[in-house]
Amino acid sequence: MEQGIRFILIFLWTYTGLDKLIRFEQSRKAFHNQTFPAELAEILSYAIPIAEILLAILLVWSISRWWGYLGSLLLLTVFLCYVGLIWVGAFPRVPCNCAGLLDSMGWGSHMILNLSLMILSIAGLWMEGRRELEVGSRKLGAGSVKREVGSPS
């Protein structure tokens, strides 16, 4: 199950990050169409695809996987809030910088997708945390010395 969650998130972040990098000028223009200042749009046009690729990489190795799940949850939370604000009409125009297939989705579908991916990220964090606890307790158990009943302490 954990491998399936990890695969879905790695695919998501690789796809969206590479799509933004491959179509960089189009993506950059879309960031500049957002409702925030041009300076922030310029920074985000580089930072978001790099963060997405970095999250995919973090999810590959077990040593960094927990951080990959946490980063996924945080970035998806930001996206969910942004989509929610767009959906309720908080902005004067409807900006979007979605990748590929996500361009054709409605705002309700975006909300459901983001919530689903957030749930997967939470599940991945939970499973990864449990795995770390199991590995830690095995290491602790292997290093401890068993005492015989009645032996001096």
Protein backbone atom coordinates (compact mmCIF):
# COMPACT_ATOMS: atom_id res chain seq x y z
CA MET A 1 0.00 0.00 0.00
CA GLU A 2 2.77 2.42 0.95
CA GLN A 3 4.52 1.75 -2.36
CA GLY A 4 1.32 2.62 -4.24
CA ILE A 5 0.95 5.91 -2.36
CA ARG A 6 4.59 6.72 -2.96
CA PHE A 7 4.30 5.89 -6.67
CA ILE A 8 1.24 8.15 -7.09
CA LEU A 9 2.96 11.09 -5.39
CA ILE A 10 6.25 10.57 -7.23
CA PHE A 11 4.33 10.46 -10.52
CA LEU A 12 2.32 13.58 -9.61
CA TRP A 13 5.34 15.68 -8.65
CA THR A 14 7.52 14.47 -11.52
CA TYR A 15 4.74 15.07 -14.06
CA THR A 16 3.74 18.51 -12.81
CA GLY A 17 7.31 19.69 -12.20
CA LEU A 18 8.61 18.52 -15.58
CA ASP A 19 5.54 19.90 -17.36
CA LYS A 20 6.24 23.35 -15.88
CA LEU A 21 9.92 23.12 -16.82
CA ILE A 22 9.31 21.82 -20.35
CA ARG A 23 6.71 24.52 -21.00
CA PHE A 24 8.65 27.06 -18.93
CA GLU A 25 7.74 30.24 -20.80
CA GLN A 26 4.06 29.33 -20.86
CA SER A 27 4.22 28.38 -17.18
CA ARG A 28 6.09 31.57 -16.30
CA LYS A 29 3.46 33.67 -18.06
CA ALA A 30 0.74 31.79 -16.17
CA PHE A 31 2.47 32.59 -12.87
CA HIS A 32 2.58 36.25 -13.89
CA ASN A 33 -1.18 36.06 -14.56
CA GLN A 34 -1.75 35.24 -10.89
CA THR A 35 -3.14 37.76 -8.43
CA PHE A 36 0.10 38.25 -6.53
CA PRO A 37 3.00 40.69 -7.22
CA ALA A 38 5.19 40.18 -10.30
CA GLU A 39 8.32 39.64 -8.15
CA LEU A 40 6.64 36.78 -6.31
CA ALA A 41 5.38 35.33 -9.60
CA GLU A 42 8.93 35.31 -10.95
CA ILE A 43 10.26 33.52 -7.87
CA LEU A 44 7.40 30.99 -7.91
CA SER A 45 7.85 30.26 -11.62
CA TYR A 46 11.21 28.73 -10.67
CA ALA A 47 10.51 27.58 -7.10
CA ILE A 48 7.33 25.56 -7.67
CA PRO A 49 8.65 23.20 -10.38
CA ILE A 50 11.93 22.78 -8.49
CA ALA A 51 10.01 22.00 -5.28
CA GLU A 52 7.83 19.48 -7.13
CA ILE A 53 10.85 17.67 -8.57
CA LEU A 54 12.58 17.79 -5.18
CA LEU A 55 9.52 16.22 -3.50
CA ALA A 56 9.56 13.39 -6.05
CA ILE A 57 13.25 12.80 -5.31
CA LEU A 58 12.72 12.87 -1.53
CA LEU A 59 10.03 10.20 -1.87
CA VAL A 60 12.39 7.81 -3.67
CA TRP A 61 14.78 7.06 -0.80
CA SER A 62 13.71 5.77 2.60
CA ILE A 63 16.07 8.13 4.44
CA SER A 64 14.23 11.20 3.07
CA ARG A 65 10.76 9.75 2.48
CA TRP A 66 9.17 11.21 5.63
CA TRP A 67 10.25 14.69 4.48
CA GLY A 68 8.83 13.97 1.03
CA TYR A 69 5.45 13.08 2.49
CA LEU A 70 5.49 16.12 4.79
CA GLY A 71 6.49 18.43 1.93
CA SER A 72 3.78 16.91 -0.24
CA LEU A 73 1.18 17.54 2.44
CA LEU A 74 2.33 21.14 2.90
CA LEU A 75 2.42 21.97 -0.82
CA LEU A 76 -0.93 20.29 -1.43
CA THR A 77 -2.39 22.28 1.48
CA VAL A 78 -1.21 25.52 -0.14
CA PHE A 79 -2.67 24.41 -3.49
CA LEU A 80 -5.95 23.40 -1.83
CA CYS A 81 -6.28 26.79 -0.12
CA TYR A 82 -5.51 28.59 -3.38
CA VAL A 83 -8.00 26.50 -5.38
CA GLY A 84 -10.58 27.04 -2.64
CA LEU A 85 -10.12 30.80 -2.85
CA ILE A 86 -10.49 30.70 -6.63
CA TRP A 87 -13.56 28.45 -6.36
CA VAL A 88 -15.36 30.84 -3.99
CA GLY A 89 -14.55 33.83 -6.20
CA ALA A 90 -12.00 35.55 -3.94
CA PHE A 91 -10.00 36.81 -6.92
CA PRO A 92 -11.08 39.30 -9.60
CA ARG A 93 -10.08 36.88 -12.37
CA VAL A 94 -9.56 33.14 -12.60
CA PRO A 95 -5.84 32.41 -12.83
CA CYS A 96 -4.47 28.91 -13.09
CA ASN A 97 -1.12 27.34 -13.67
CA CYS A 98 -2.09 23.71 -13.69
CA ALA A 99 -0.14 21.04 -15.47
CA GLY A 100 -1.36 19.11 -18.51
CA LEU A 101 -4.53 17.16 -17.80
CA LEU A 102 -5.32 19.25 -14.74
CA ASP A 103 -5.97 22.25 -17.00
CA SER A 104 -9.29 20.75 -18.09
CA MET A 105 -10.59 20.03 -14.57
CA GLY A 106 -13.19 22.18 -12.85
CA TRP A 107 -12.53 23.77 -9.46
CA GLY A 108 -14.66 21.21 -7.62
CA SER A 109 -12.66 18.40 -9.23
CA HIS A 110 -9.44 20.17 -8.25
CA MET A 111 -10.64 20.34 -4.65
CA ILE A 112 -11.49 16.62 -4.59
CA LEU A 113 -8.18 15.68 -6.23
CA ASN A 114 -6.16 17.84 -3.82
CA LEU A 115 -8.03 16.49 -0.79
CA SER A 116 -7.46 12.93 -2.00
CA LEU A 117 -3.75 13.55 -2.51
CA MET A 118 -3.54 15.19 0.92
CA ILE A 119 -5.11 12.08 2.46
CA LEU A 120 -2.56 9.93 0.63
CA SER A 121 0.25 12.15 1.95
CA ILE A 122 -1.08 11.84 5.51
CA ALA A 123 -1.34 8.05 5.12
CA GLY A 124 2.22 7.95 3.77
CA LEU A 125 3.47 10.03 6.71
CA TRP A 126 1.70 7.72 9.14
CA MET A 127 3.04 4.55 7.51
CA GLU A 128 6.54 5.98 7.28
CA GLY A 129 6.40 7.02 10.95
CA ARG A 130 5.31 3.51 11.96
CA ARG A 131 8.09 1.98 9.88
CA GLU A 132 10.65 4.23 11.56
CA LEU A 133 9.35 3.21 14.99
CA GLU A 134 9.58 -0.48 14.07
CA VAL A 135 13.12 -0.09 12.72
CA GLY A 136 14.13 1.88 15.82
CA SER A 137 12.68 -0.67 18.22
CA ARG A 138 14.42 -3.52 16.35
CA LYS A 139 17.75 -1.68 16.61
CA LEU A 140 17.16 -1.07 20.30
CA GLY A 141 16.19 -4.72 20.85
CA ALA A 142 19.22 -6.04 18.97
CA GLY A 143 21.62 -3.92 20.99
CA SER A 144 20.27 -4.72 24.43
CA VAL A 145 21.73 -7.42 26.61
CA LYS A 146 19.34 -9.99 28.05
CA ARG A 147 19.63 -10.53 31.76
CA GLU A 148 19.13 -13.89 33.37
CA VAL A 149 16.67 -14.15 36.24
CA GLY A 150 18.61 -13.97 39.47
CA SER A 151 21.76 -12.57 37.87
CA PRO A 152 23.37 -9.50 39.45
CA SER A 153 22.36 -6.14 38.00
